[in-house]
Amino acid sequence: MNANGTTGIAEPLTLPCGATVKNRFYKSAMNEALAGRDCAPTEEHVRLYRTWAEGGAGVLVTGNVMVDRT
């Protein structure tokens, strides 16, 4: 908690499992629609998630990223 008794969005958060995330910014799952013709993840996925990670979010939840067509 901060000085006024509230929890700030930029403060760390310890989850019930014991893991601590650096802040409360959370990128929810979404369908990025970036798969290749074989439905596999692409370099675009890598760049996009790297950008989000470098942006400082405490939690990034992957979207509908296929790893196998079946």
Protein backbone atom coordinates (compact mmCIF):
# COMPACT_ATOMS: atom_id res chain seq x y z
CA MET A 1 0.00 0.00 0.00
CA ASN A 2 1.08 3.54 -0.57
CA ALA A 3 1.00 6.44 1.89
CA ASN A 4 -2.73 7.09 1.49
CA GLY A 5 -3.67 3.46 2.17
CA THR A 6 -4.42 2.47 -1.43
CA THR A 7 -2.63 0.09 -3.72
CA GLY A 8 -1.05 1.71 -6.77
CA ILE A 9 -1.23 0.11 -10.19
CA ALA A 10 2.56 0.41 -10.57
CA GLU A 11 3.31 -1.42 -7.31
CA PRO A 12 4.39 -5.08 -7.21
CA LEU A 13 1.75 -7.73 -6.60
CA THR A 14 2.36 -11.10 -4.94
CA LEU A 15 0.04 -13.77 -6.32
CA PRO A 16 -1.48 -16.55 -4.16
CA CYS A 17 1.03 -19.02 -5.68
CA GLY A 18 3.89 -16.91 -4.28
CA ALA A 19 5.08 -15.41 -7.58
CA THR A 20 5.50 -11.64 -7.58
CA VAL A 21 4.81 -9.53 -10.65
CA LYS A 22 6.46 -6.12 -10.95
CA ASN A 23 3.19 -4.19 -11.36
CA ARG A 24 -0.53 -4.64 -11.97
CA PHE A 25 -0.50 -3.95 -15.71
CA TYR A 26 -2.03 -7.00 -17.38
CA LYS A 27 -2.22 -7.70 -21.11
CA SER A 28 -5.20 -9.99 -21.60
CA ALA A 29 -5.32 -12.87 -24.07
CA MET A 30 -6.29 -11.92 -27.61
CA ASN A 31 -6.12 -13.44 -31.06
CA GLU A 32 -3.25 -11.69 -32.80
CA ALA A 33 -3.98 -13.36 -36.17
CA LEU A 34 -0.28 -13.45 -37.07
CA ALA A 35 0.23 -17.17 -37.76
CA GLY A 36 1.93 -18.29 -40.94
CA ARG A 37 0.32 -20.42 -43.62
CA ASP A 38 1.19 -23.50 -41.56
CA CYS A 39 -0.61 -22.00 -38.53
CA ALA A 40 2.69 -21.79 -36.63
CA PRO A 41 3.89 -18.73 -34.69
CA THR A 42 5.92 -16.28 -36.75
CA GLU A 43 8.67 -13.75 -36.17
CA GLU A 44 5.85 -11.18 -36.01
CA HIS A 45 4.62 -12.90 -32.82
CA VAL A 46 8.11 -12.65 -31.35
CA ARG A 47 8.39 -8.94 -32.18
CA LEU A 48 4.90 -8.19 -30.85
CA TYR A 49 5.38 -9.97 -27.51
CA ARG A 50 8.88 -8.48 -27.16
CA THR A 51 7.38 -5.01 -27.66
CA TRP A 52 4.73 -5.67 -25.02
CA ALA A 53 7.33 -7.07 -22.60
CA GLU A 54 9.61 -4.08 -23.09
CA GLY A 55 6.59 -1.84 -22.49
CA GLY A 56 6.65 -2.88 -18.85
CA ALA A 57 3.49 -4.94 -18.29
CA GLY A 58 3.64 -7.13 -15.20
CA VAL A 59 1.71 -9.98 -16.86
CA LEU A 60 1.36 -10.90 -20.54
CA VAL A 61 -1.17 -13.61 -21.36
CA THR A 62 -0.66 -15.20 -24.75
CA GLY A 63 -3.53 -15.22 -27.15
CA ASN A 64 -4.60 -17.84 -29.63
CA VAL A 65 -1.06 -18.79 -30.72
CA MET A 66 -1.13 -22.12 -32.54
CA VAL A 67 1.77 -24.48 -32.07
CA ASP A 68 0.33 -27.34 -34.14
CA ARG A 69 -2.34 -27.30 -36.84
CA THR A 70 -4.10 -30.30 -35.20
